[in-house]
Amino acid sequence: MSFNFGTPKTTNQPSTFTMTTPAANTPWGSTQAPAGFSLGSNTQPAPTGFSLANTTQATTGFSLSSTTQASTGFSLGVTNQPSTGFTLGTTPASTGFSLGTTQASNVFSLGSNQTSTAFSLGATPTVSTGFSLASTTQAPTGFSLVTTQASAALPLATTQVSNAFSLGTVQASTAFSLGTTPAVSTSFSLAGTTQVSTGFSMGTTQASTGFSLTTTQASTGFSLATTKSSTGFSLGTSPAAPTGFSLGTTSATGFSLSSSGTTTAQATTIQTTAVITTQAPPVTSQSDSQSSAVQPTNFQQLIDLINNWTVSLENQEKQFLNQANEITVWDNMLTNQSAKLVKLYDILEQKEKEQVDIENELDFLLSQQKELEDCLVPLEQELQSAEVLSSLNNEREPIYKAAQEIDNQVKQMSGDIKEIVNNLNKANSKKDSDDDLDTICRILNCHMTALQYIEHNAENLSSMVSEVNEEHSRFLTAANDNSFISFRK
């Protein structure tokens, strides 16, 4: 396996990744049969790797340019010989992934193929059994997105015979198709089909047994457009007898969502295997579609059956609308209740916070109450021991009250005296110091003070004189007594 991005000349099976033009026996030169990734031109036969340049011989890898021989790998260029790899160019015969024109390919391709068995995106003029996205003229059996003549895989463009996925016009399709299929289609189709279709189709089909979205002639599959004869799923108008699921105007016997004639259920299976490799072994893609069409028995019975289905669908639609309205009412109720629950939850959280605060305050009050009880216990004990002194306290109380009354009276008298003194001082302060009367009063006050002093001293002298007189009298008395005693002796 090798990866080459240059222009190879001649090498013998390189196995490394290269991006320039190498010499002989190196990944940068030409290759005889590259088995890896290459972006240059291959002029020697049988490359088996990934290539992006032109190859003239067989390739089995990835290529992006033209190849002239068989390729079994991934290619993006034009190939003229069979290829079994991934190709993006024109290949005559390829069995790998290709994006260009191929002659015969059985792998993934994106170009034109003569014979393709793999994934392709380009036009394939011959048989294609792989995935293709371009036009194919023979019978592709893989995935294709463009015009194919005969396709057994998944075409997306115009095909003649298709049993795989197709998006374009097909002649006979048994797979998925998106385009017009004039022939038989048994698979999925999205474009117009003109012949028989047994697969999924979205375009105009003549006869389809698959899924279709456009007009079909005879469809046994799923269709979304007009079908002639459809036995599958259809969404479009089908003038014939579709027997599948239809959403358009059909005359089939399958499931349809628009005006249709007769429809019956049809099962279609698609098996697709797509492998992309950069080595020598080819990649194959197989698609098998199986369908079975049920022929209508009676037109009147089908009409009655469709009418019954229509009535039942209308009833179910009414029931669905009623239930939808009830569900809407319930949803509104649930929304309102949820909003109320959210509000209640917020209020509950606030109340829980307040409860926690209140509990903390209660704990604080309980602790204070315990401290108060501890303080009251010794006081109560002291009160019990002091009951003996209650009688003395009863006697002390009236004495204390009397002392309080006397103290109040003394305070009142002192206040009155202070007022009198203040009034006298005010009266004295108003007199003029130069007044003669004031002078006389002061002189008289001095005289009075001196007289009081003299009087006081006089009293003292008189008391002293009286004492001396008493002593003298006692002395005289004593002397007389002594003289008398001595005299008698």
Protein backbone atom coordinates (compact mmCIF):
# COMPACT_ATOMS: atom_id res chain seq x y z
CA MET A 1 0.00 0.00 0.00
CA SER A 2 1.36 3.44 -0.88
CA PHE A 3 0.22 7.06 -1.06
CA ASN A 4 1.50 9.01 -4.05
CA PHE A 5 0.75 12.69 -4.84
CA GLY A 6 3.24 13.10 -7.71
CA THR A 7 3.59 11.80 -11.29
CA PRO A 8 4.82 8.21 -11.05
CA LYS A 9 6.96 6.68 -13.81
CA THR A 10 7.93 3.09 -13.20
CA THR A 11 8.09 1.35 -9.85
CA ASN A 12 7.31 -2.11 -8.65
CA GLN A 13 4.60 -1.99 -5.97
CA PRO A 14 5.67 0.72 -3.52
CA SER A 15 4.25 0.44 -0.02
CA THR A 16 4.76 3.93 1.43
CA PHE A 17 3.11 7.32 1.27
CA THR A 18 4.59 9.75 -1.33
CA MET A 19 3.67 13.28 -2.42
CA THR A 20 6.25 14.06 -5.21
CA THR A 21 7.60 12.39 -8.36
CA PRO A 22 10.10 9.72 -7.29
CA ALA A 23 12.44 7.60 -9.39
CA ALA A 24 12.30 3.86 -9.94
CA ASN A 25 11.55 1.62 -6.96
CA THR A 26 10.53 4.68 -4.88
CA PRO A 27 7.09 6.08 -4.02
CA TRP A 28 7.98 9.32 -5.83
CA GLY A 29 8.33 7.74 -9.29
CA SER A 30 6.11 5.86 -11.70
CA THR A 31 4.47 2.66 -10.58
CA GLN A 32 3.76 -0.60 -12.31
CA ALA A 33 0.94 -1.55 -9.98
CA PRO A 34 0.51 0.86 -7.04
CA ALA A 35 -1.41 -0.57 -4.17
CA GLY A 36 -1.80 2.63 -2.14
CA PHE A 37 -2.72 6.28 -2.27
CA SER A 38 -1.51 8.25 -5.32
CA LEU A 39 -2.24 11.70 -6.73
CA GLY A 40 -0.14 11.47 -9.93
CA SER A 41 -0.58 9.75 -13.34
CA ASN A 42 -0.11 6.01 -13.56
CA THR A 43 0.97 4.78 -17.01
CA GLN A 44 1.70 1.19 -16.06
CA PRO A 45 -0.95 -1.45 -15.53
CA ALA A 46 -2.66 -2.71 -12.42
CA PRO A 47 -2.36 -0.09 -9.66
CA THR A 48 -3.83 -1.47 -6.49
CA GLY A 49 -3.61 1.51 -4.14
CA PHE A 50 -5.01 4.96 -3.58
CA SER A 51 -4.37 7.29 -6.54
CA LEU A 52 -5.43 10.84 -7.38
CA ALA A 53 -3.68 11.19 -10.81
CA ASN A 54 -4.29 9.69 -14.28
CA THR A 55 -3.76 5.95 -14.51
CA THR A 56 -3.69 4.03 -17.76
CA GLN A 57 -3.47 0.53 -16.38
CA ALA A 58 -5.46 -1.35 -13.81
CA THR A 59 -5.68 0.32 -10.39
CA THR A 60 -6.81 -1.10 -7.12
CA GLY A 61 -6.37 1.97 -4.92
CA PHE A 62 -7.56 5.51 -4.54
CA SER A 63 -7.09 7.74 -7.61
CA LEU A 64 -8.21 11.26 -8.50
CA SER A 65 -7.25 11.36 -12.21
CA SER A 66 -7.91 9.26 -15.31
CA THR A 67 -6.98 5.58 -15.37
CA THR A 68 -6.95 3.50 -18.52
CA GLN A 69 -6.63 0.04 -17.06
CA ALA A 70 -8.52 -1.83 -14.41
CA SER A 71 -8.48 -0.26 -10.95
CA THR A 72 -9.52 -1.84 -7.71
CA GLY A 73 -8.97 1.10 -5.35
CA PHE A 74 -10.13 4.63 -4.72
CA SER A 75 -9.77 6.92 -7.76
CA LEU A 76 -10.85 10.48 -8.49
CA GLY A 77 -9.73 10.70 -12.13
CA VAL A 78 -10.73 9.19 -15.51
CA THR A 79 -10.11 5.45 -15.88
CA ASN A 80 -10.52 3.51 -19.12
CA GLN A 81 -9.85 0.02 -17.85
CA PRO A 82 -11.58 -1.91 -15.07
CA SER A 83 -11.00 -0.58 -11.59
CA THR A 84 -11.78 -2.10 -8.24
CA GLY A 85 -11.01 0.85 -5.96
CA PHE A 86 -12.25 4.32 -5.19
CA THR A 87 -12.23 6.52 -8.33
CA LEU A 88 -13.31 10.06 -9.02
CA GLY A 89 -12.62 10.03 -12.77
CA THR A 90 -13.72 8.04 -15.86
CA THR A 91 -13.03 4.31 -15.56
CA PRO A 92 -14.01 1.66 -18.12
CA ALA A 93 -14.30 -1.08 -15.51
CA SER A 94 -13.90 -0.45 -11.81
CA THR A 95 -14.68 -2.42 -8.71
CA GLY A 96 -13.84 0.27 -6.14
CA PHE A 97 -14.89 3.74 -5.15
CA SER A 98 -14.91 6.13 -8.13
CA LEU A 99 -16.01 9.71 -8.64
CA GLY A 100 -15.43 9.94 -12.41
CA THR A 101 -16.43 8.09 -15.64
CA THR A 102 -15.73 4.36 -15.50
CA GLN A 103 -16.17 1.53 -17.98
CA ALA A 104 -16.77 -1.24 -15.51
CA SER A 105 -16.46 -0.74 -11.78
CA ASN A 106 -17.55 -2.68 -8.77
CA VAL A 107 -16.50 -0.17 -6.12
CA PHE A 108 -17.25 3.37 -5.12
CA SER A 109 -17.17 5.73 -8.13
CA LEU A 110 -18.19 9.32 -8.74
CA GLY A 111 -17.76 9.40 -12.55
CA SER A 112 -19.08 7.53 -15.66
CA ASN A 113 -18.85 3.75 -15.51
CA GLN A 114 -19.31 1.08 -18.14
CA THR A 115 -19.58 -1.62 -15.55
CA SER A 116 -19.69 -0.60 -11.90
CA THR A 117 -20.22 -2.77 -8.85
CA ALA A 118 -19.36 -0.25 -6.14
CA PHE A 119 -19.91 3.30 -5.05
CA SER A 120 -19.79 5.77 -7.97
CA LEU A 121 -20.60 9.45 -8.34
CA GLY A 122 -20.02 9.83 -12.10
CA ALA A 123 -21.62 8.51 -15.32
CA THR A 124 -21.27 4.75 -15.89
CA PRO A 125 -22.14 3.74 -19.47
CA THR A 126 -21.88 0.02 -18.78
CA VAL A 127 -22.71 -2.20 -15.86
CA SER A 128 -22.26 -0.73 -12.38
CA THR A 129 -22.62 -2.78 -9.24
CA GLY A 130 -21.40 -0.22 -6.70
CA PHE A 131 -22.13 3.25 -5.45
CA SER A 132 -22.27 5.86 -8.24
CA LEU A 133 -23.14 9.54 -8.28
CA ALA A 134 -22.81 10.18 -12.06
CA SER A 135 -24.68 8.81 -15.12
CA THR A 136 -24.47 5.09 -15.86
CA THR A 137 -25.69 3.51 -19.08
CA GLN A 138 -25.51 -0.16 -18.23
CA ALA A 139 -26.60 -1.94 -15.09
CA PRO A 140 -25.11 -0.52 -11.90
CA THR A 141 -25.63 -2.61 -8.82
CA GLY A 142 -24.31 -0.11 -6.27
CA PHE A 143 -25.06 3.35 -5.01
CA SER A 144 -25.40 5.97 -7.79
CA LEU A 145 -26.47 9.59 -7.80
CA VAL A 146 -26.65 10.22 -11.59
CA THR A 147 -28.11 8.63 -14.72
CA THR A 148 -27.69 4.85 -15.00
CA GLN A 149 -29.00 2.38 -17.54
CA ALA A 150 -29.22 -0.67 -15.34
CA SER A 151 -28.51 -0.37 -11.64
CA ALA A 152 -28.79 -2.98 -8.94
CA ALA A 153 -27.39 -0.78 -6.17
CA LEU A 154 -28.29 2.70 -4.93
CA PRO A 155 -28.56 5.13 -7.93
CA LEU A 156 -29.49 8.76 -7.48
CA ALA A 157 -29.87 9.73 -11.18
CA THR A 158 -31.54 8.33 -14.33
CA THR A 159 -31.35 4.52 -14.54
CA GLN A 160 -32.79 1.89 -16.85
CA VAL A 161 -33.00 -1.00 -14.43
CA SER A 162 -32.37 -0.30 -10.77
CA ASN A 163 -32.76 -2.39 -7.68
CA ALA A 164 -30.92 -0.01 -5.35
CA PHE A 165 -30.97 3.58 -4.21
CA SER A 166 -31.43 6.10 -7.06
CA LEU A 167 -32.06 9.85 -7.18
CA GLY A 168 -32.37 10.30 -10.97
CA THR A 169 -34.36 8.89 -13.90
CA VAL A 170 -34.27 5.11 -14.10
CA GLN A 171 -35.64 2.70 -16.68
CA ALA A 172 -36.11 -0.26 -14.38
CA SER A 173 -35.38 0.29 -10.72
CA THR A 174 -35.63 -2.12 -7.82
CA ALA A 175 -33.94 0.08 -5.22
CA PHE A 176 -33.98 3.58 -3.84
CA SER A 177 -34.45 6.19 -6.60
CA LEU A 178 -34.92 9.96 -6.58
CA GLY A 179 -35.25 10.56 -10.34
CA THR A 180 -37.41 9.43 -13.30
CA THR A 181 -37.34 5.67 -13.85
CA PRO A 182 -38.95 4.67 -17.17
CA ALA A 183 -38.34 0.98 -16.56
CA VAL A 184 -38.97 -1.21 -13.56
CA SER A 185 -38.11 0.16 -10.10
CA THR A 186 -38.28 -1.99 -6.99
CA SER A 187 -36.54 0.30 -4.52
CA PHE A 188 -36.41 3.83 -3.22
CA SER A 189 -36.73 6.62 -5.82
CA LEU A 190 -37.11 10.39 -5.46
CA ALA A 191 -37.32 11.53 -9.14
CA GLY A 192 -39.65 10.70 -12.03
CA THR A 193 -39.91 7.05 -13.08
CA THR A 194 -41.66 5.98 -16.27
CA GLN A 195 -41.44 2.20 -15.98
CA VAL A 196 -41.94 -0.29 -13.23
CA SER A 197 -40.59 0.64 -9.78
CA THR A 198 -40.51 -1.71 -6.82
CA GLY A 199 -38.55 0.46 -4.39
CA PHE A 200 -38.58 3.86 -2.79
CA SER A 201 -39.14 6.61 -5.38
CA MET A 202 -39.76 10.36 -5.22
CA GLY A 203 -40.12 11.05 -8.96
CA THR A 204 -42.34 9.94 -11.87
CA THR A 205 -42.45 6.17 -12.23
CA GLN A 206 -44.26 3.91 -14.66
CA ALA A 207 -44.31 0.87 -12.43
CA SER A 208 -42.78 0.98 -8.98
CA THR A 209 -42.92 -1.35 -6.05
CA GLY A 210 -40.88 0.80 -3.65
CA PHE A 211 -40.86 4.21 -2.08
CA SER A 212 -41.58 7.04 -4.57
CA LEU A 213 -42.19 10.77 -4.18
CA THR A 214 -43.22 11.67 -7.80
CA THR A 215 -45.34 10.26 -10.63
CA THR A 216 -45.06 6.51 -11.16
CA GLN A 217 -46.71 4.21 -13.68
CA ALA A 218 -46.64 1.01 -11.66
CA SER A 219 -45.28 1.26 -8.16
CA THR A 220 -45.15 -1.37 -5.46
CA GLY A 221 -43.07 0.63 -2.98
CA PHE A 222 -43.03 3.95 -1.23
CA SER A 223 -43.84 6.89 -3.56
CA LEU A 224 -44.42 10.59 -2.94
CA ALA A 225 -45.57 11.65 -6.47
CA THR A 226 -47.81 10.46 -9.33
CA THR A 227 -47.51 6.74 -10.04
CA LYS A 228 -49.09 4.59 -12.73
CA SER A 229 -49.00 1.32 -10.87
CA SER A 230 -47.68 1.37 -7.33
CA THR A 231 -47.64 -1.35 -4.70
CA GLY A 232 -45.51 0.50 -2.14
CA PHE A 233 -45.39 3.76 -0.26
CA SER A 234 -46.21 6.77 -2.49
CA LEU A 235 -46.78 10.47 -1.81
CA GLY A 236 -47.67 11.66 -5.33
CA THR A 237 -50.26 11.00 -8.11
CA SER A 238 -50.26 7.51 -9.58
CA PRO A 239 -52.74 6.97 -12.46
CA ALA A 240 -52.20 3.22 -12.48
CA ALA A 241 -52.53 0.83 -9.57
CA PRO A 242 -50.00 1.44 -6.80
CA THR A 243 -50.06 -1.18 -4.09
CA GLY A 244 -47.77 0.54 -1.56
CA PHE A 245 -47.69 3.61 0.58
CA SER A 246 -48.65 6.72 -1.45
CA LEU A 247 -49.04 10.41 -0.51
CA GLY A 248 -50.11 11.62 -3.99
CA THR A 249 -52.82 10.74 -6.56
CA THR A 250 -52.45 7.03 -7.16
CA SER A 251 -54.48 4.14 -8.41
CA ALA A 252 -52.62 1.73 -6.20
CA THR A 253 -53.54 -0.48 -3.27
CA GLY A 254 -51.07 0.78 -0.67
CA PHE A 255 -50.89 3.49 1.91
CA SER A 256 -51.42 6.95 0.37
CA LEU A 257 -51.94 10.45 1.78
CA SER A 258 -53.63 11.95 -1.34
CA SER A 259 -56.17 10.79 -3.97
CA SER A 260 -55.46 7.26 -5.03
CA GLY A 261 -57.19 4.35 -6.67
CA THR A 262 -56.12 1.16 -5.01
CA THR A 263 -53.31 0.57 -2.55
CA THR A 264 -51.97 -2.47 -0.80
CA ALA A 265 -49.10 -2.89 1.60
CA GLN A 266 -45.80 -3.97 0.14
CA ALA A 267 -42.53 -4.74 1.90
CA THR A 268 -39.21 -3.99 0.26
CA THR A 269 -35.84 -4.92 1.62
CA ILE A 270 -32.58 -3.36 0.49
CA GLN A 271 -29.25 -4.82 1.37
CA THR A 272 -26.24 -2.75 0.36
CA THR A 273 -22.64 -3.49 1.18
CA ALA A 274 -20.08 -0.87 0.22
CA VAL A 275 -16.40 -1.30 1.03
CA ILE A 276 -13.65 1.25 0.24
CA THR A 277 -10.11 0.00 0.36
CA THR A 278 -6.66 1.22 -0.64
CA GLN A 279 -5.25 -2.25 -1.19
CA ALA A 280 -5.30 -4.71 -4.03
CA PRO A 281 -8.47 -6.73 -3.17
CA PRO A 282 -11.56 -5.31 -4.96
CA VAL A 283 -14.46 -3.79 -3.11
CA THR A 284 -17.89 -5.12 -3.89
CA SER A 285 -21.35 -3.75 -3.20
CA GLN A 286 -24.43 -5.85 -3.43
CA SER A 287 -28.01 -4.70 -3.26
CA ASP A 288 -30.94 -7.04 -3.18
CA SER A 289 -34.51 -5.82 -3.32
CA GLN A 290 -37.49 -8.01 -3.01
CA SER A 291 -41.09 -6.94 -3.43
CA SER A 292 -44.36 -8.54 -4.08
CA ALA A 293 -47.38 -6.77 -5.55
CA VAL A 294 -50.96 -7.51 -4.59
CA GLN A 295 -53.40 -7.05 -7.42
CA PRO A 296 -56.69 -5.27 -6.65
CA THR A 297 -59.72 -7.54 -6.50
CA ASN A 298 -62.58 -5.14 -7.06
CA PHE A 299 -62.71 -1.41 -7.69
CA GLN A 300 -65.96 -0.92 -5.73
CA GLN A 301 -64.56 -2.84 -2.77
CA LEU A 302 -61.46 -0.69 -2.87
CA ILE A 303 -63.61 2.45 -2.97
CA ASP A 304 -65.63 1.22 0.01
CA LEU A 305 -62.46 0.28 1.80
CA ILE A 306 -60.97 3.71 1.12
CA ASN A 307 -64.18 5.39 2.29
CA ASN A 308 -64.14 3.35 5.47
CA TRP A 309 -60.51 4.25 5.97
CA THR A 310 -61.33 7.91 5.33
CA VAL A 311 -64.16 7.88 7.87
CA SER A 312 -62.00 6.09 10.42
CA LEU A 313 -59.16 8.53 9.77
CA GLU A 314 -61.54 11.48 10.22
CA ASN A 315 -62.82 10.01 13.48
CA GLN A 316 -59.31 9.34 14.63
CA GLU A 317 -58.36 12.88 13.60
CA LYS A 318 -61.22 14.29 15.68
CA GLN A 319 -60.23 12.12 18.61
CA PHE A 320 -56.63 13.20 18.14
CA LEU A 321 -57.63 16.87 18.08
CA ASN A 322 -59.78 16.44 21.18
CA GLN A 323 -57.00 14.64 22.97
CA ALA A 324 -54.55 17.30 21.77
CA ASN A 325 -56.81 20.02 23.21
CA GLU A 326 -57.08 18.12 26.48
CA ILE A 327 -53.33 17.67 26.52
CA THR A 328 -52.93 21.41 25.88
CA VAL A 329 -55.23 22.20 28.82
CA TRP A 330 -53.35 19.73 30.98
CA ASP A 331 -50.06 21.21 29.86
CA ASN A 332 -51.25 24.70 30.81
CA MET A 333 -52.45 23.38 34.16
CA LEU A 334 -49.15 21.63 34.70
CA THR A 335 -47.28 24.81 33.77
CA ASN A 336 -49.34 26.91 36.19
CA GLN A 337 -49.01 24.33 38.92
CA SER A 338 -45.28 24.10 38.33
CA ALA A 339 -45.01 27.90 38.65
CA LYS A 340 -47.02 27.76 41.87
CA LEU A 341 -44.85 24.94 43.12
CA VAL A 342 -41.75 27.00 42.38
CA LYS A 343 -43.20 29.93 44.33
CA LEU A 344 -44.17 27.66 47.20
CA TYR A 345 -40.72 26.17 47.17
CA ASP A 346 -39.17 29.64 47.41
CA ILE A 347 -41.53 30.58 50.24
CA LEU A 348 -40.72 27.30 51.97
CA GLU A 349 -37.01 28.04 51.74
CA GLN A 350 -37.56 31.50 53.26
CA LYS A 351 -39.67 30.02 56.05
CA GLU A 352 -37.02 27.42 56.73
CA LYS A 353 -34.42 30.17 57.07
CA GLU A 354 -36.72 32.10 59.41
CA GLN A 355 -37.33 28.92 61.40
CA VAL A 356 -33.59 28.42 61.79
CA ASP A 357 -33.21 32.01 63.05
CA ILE A 358 -36.09 31.58 65.49
CA GLU A 359 -34.61 28.33 66.78
CA ASN A 360 -31.30 30.10 67.37
CA GLU A 361 -33.05 32.87 69.28
CA LEU A 362 -34.98 30.32 71.33
CA ASP A 363 -31.75 28.54 72.19
CA PHE A 364 -30.26 31.85 73.34
CA LEU A 365 -33.32 32.59 75.49
CA LEU A 366 -33.18 29.11 76.97
CA SER A 367 -29.55 29.60 77.94
CA GLN A 368 -30.38 32.95 79.59
CA GLN A 369 -33.27 31.37 81.46
CA LYS A 370 -30.96 28.67 82.79
CA GLU A 371 -28.50 31.32 84.00
CA LEU A 372 -31.33 33.22 85.71
CA GLU A 373 -32.49 30.07 87.46
CA ASP A 374 -28.95 29.42 88.63
CA CYS A 375 -28.85 32.95 90.12
CA LEU A 376 -32.27 32.65 91.78
CA VAL A 377 -31.52 29.42 93.60
CA PRO A 378 -29.03 30.94 96.12
CA LEU A 379 -31.27 33.99 96.61
CA GLU A 380 -34.20 31.77 97.50
CA GLN A 381 -32.01 29.92 100.00
CA GLU A 382 -30.95 33.21 101.63
CA LEU A 383 -34.56 34.35 101.81
CA GLN A 384 -35.57 31.23 103.68
CA SER A 385 -32.75 31.78 106.22
CA ALA A 386 -33.74 35.47 106.73
CA GLU A 387 -37.33 34.83 107.84
CA VAL A 388 -36.24 35.13 111.52
CA LEU A 389 -35.31 38.77 111.05
CA SER A 390 -38.71 39.70 109.65
CA SER A 391 -39.98 41.11 113.03
CA LEU A 392 -37.02 43.45 113.36
CA ASN A 393 -37.54 44.58 109.81
CA ASN A 394 -41.12 45.47 110.67
CA GLU A 395 -39.93 47.79 113.46
CA ARG A 396 -37.27 49.38 111.36
CA GLU A 397 -39.64 50.32 108.62
CA PRO A 398 -41.59 53.07 110.51
CA ILE A 399 -38.33 54.48 111.89
CA TYR A 400 -36.93 54.62 108.39
CA LYS A 401 -40.09 56.35 107.15
CA ALA A 402 -39.93 58.94 109.93
CA ALA A 403 -36.27 59.61 109.15
CA GLN A 404 -37.18 60.13 105.55
CA GLU A 405 -39.93 62.64 106.48
CA ILE A 406 -37.57 64.58 108.78
CA ASP A 407 -34.95 64.66 106.10
CA ASN A 408 -37.48 66.00 103.64
CA GLN A 409 -38.55 68.72 106.06
CA VAL A 410 -34.94 69.72 106.76
CA LYS A 411 -34.29 69.92 103.06
CA GLN A 412 -37.36 72.07 102.60
CA MET A 413 -36.31 74.43 105.42
CA SER A 414 -32.80 74.71 104.05
CA GLY A 415 -34.30 75.59 100.73
CA ASP A 416 -36.46 78.29 102.31
CA ILE A 417 -33.46 79.75 104.15
CA LYS A 418 -31.48 79.84 100.94
CA GLU A 419 -34.30 81.69 99.24
CA ILE A 420 -34.43 84.25 102.08
CA VAL A 421 -30.68 84.75 101.97
CA ASN A 422 -30.78 85.20 98.24
CA ASN A 423 -33.56 87.72 98.51
CA LEU A 424 -31.65 89.66 101.17
CA ASN A 425 -28.52 89.63 99.09
CA LYS A 426 -30.45 90.90 96.13
CA ALA A 427 -32.00 93.63 98.26
CA ASN A 428 -28.63 94.62 99.69
CA SER A 429 -26.96 94.63 96.31
CA LYS A 430 -29.41 97.20 95.02
CA LYS A 431 -28.36 99.82 97.63
CA ASP A 432 -25.79 102.48 96.79
CA SER A 433 -22.52 102.26 98.69
CA ASP A 434 -22.30 106.11 98.93
CA ASP A 435 -25.60 106.42 100.73
CA ASP A 436 -25.35 108.10 104.17
CA LEU A 437 -27.90 105.77 105.62
CA ASP A 438 -25.81 102.84 104.59
CA THR A 439 -22.79 104.41 106.20
CA ILE A 440 -24.71 105.06 109.40
CA CYS A 441 -25.98 101.48 109.37
CA ARG A 442 -22.52 100.14 108.97
CA ILE A 443 -21.23 102.36 111.82
CA LEU A 444 -24.07 101.27 113.99
CA ASN A 445 -23.36 97.66 113.10
CA CYS A 446 -19.78 98.19 114.18
CA HIS A 447 -20.97 99.79 117.40
CA MET A 448 -23.35 96.97 118.00
CA THR A 449 -20.59 94.48 117.39
CA ALA A 450 -18.33 96.31 119.84
CA LEU A 451 -21.10 96.59 122.37
CA GLN A 452 -21.84 92.90 122.01
CA TYR A 453 -18.19 92.19 122.56
CA ILE A 454 -18.11 94.50 125.62
CA GLU A 455 -21.28 92.92 126.92
CA HIS A 456 -19.90 89.48 126.47
CA ASN A 457 -16.68 90.45 128.27
CA ALA A 458 -18.68 92.16 130.98
CA GLU A 459 -20.65 89.04 131.54
CA ASN A 460 -17.45 87.09 131.78
CA LEU A 461 -16.01 89.61 134.29
CA SER A 462 -19.19 89.55 136.34
CA SER A 463 -19.11 85.79 136.46
CA MET A 464 -15.47 85.95 137.52
CA VAL A 465 -16.29 88.54 140.22
CA SER A 466 -19.13 86.39 141.49
CA GLU A 467 -16.81 83.44 141.71
CA VAL A 468 -14.25 85.51 143.61
CA ASN A 469 -16.95 86.69 145.99
CA GLU A 470 -18.04 83.15 146.58
CA GLU A 471 -14.49 82.10 147.29
CA HIS A 472 -14.04 85.01 149.61
CA SER A 473 -17.22 84.17 151.43
CA ARG A 474 -16.19 80.58 151.82
CA PHE A 475 -12.80 81.67 152.97
CA LEU A 476 -14.35 83.93 155.53
CA THR A 477 -16.67 81.23 156.64
CA ALA A 478 -13.86 78.79 156.99
CA ALA A 479 -11.76 81.30 158.87
CA ASN A 480 -14.56 82.02 161.27
CA ASP A 481 -15.07 78.37 161.86
CA ASN A 482 -11.40 77.82 162.59
CA SER A 483 -11.29 80.71 165.00
CA PHE A 484 -14.29 79.46 166.81
CA ILE A 485 -12.85 76.00 167.14
CA SER A 486 -9.60 77.29 168.41
CA PHE A 487 -11.38 79.50 170.73
CA ARG A 488 -13.26 76.73 172.37
CA LYS A 489 -10.21 74.70 172.73
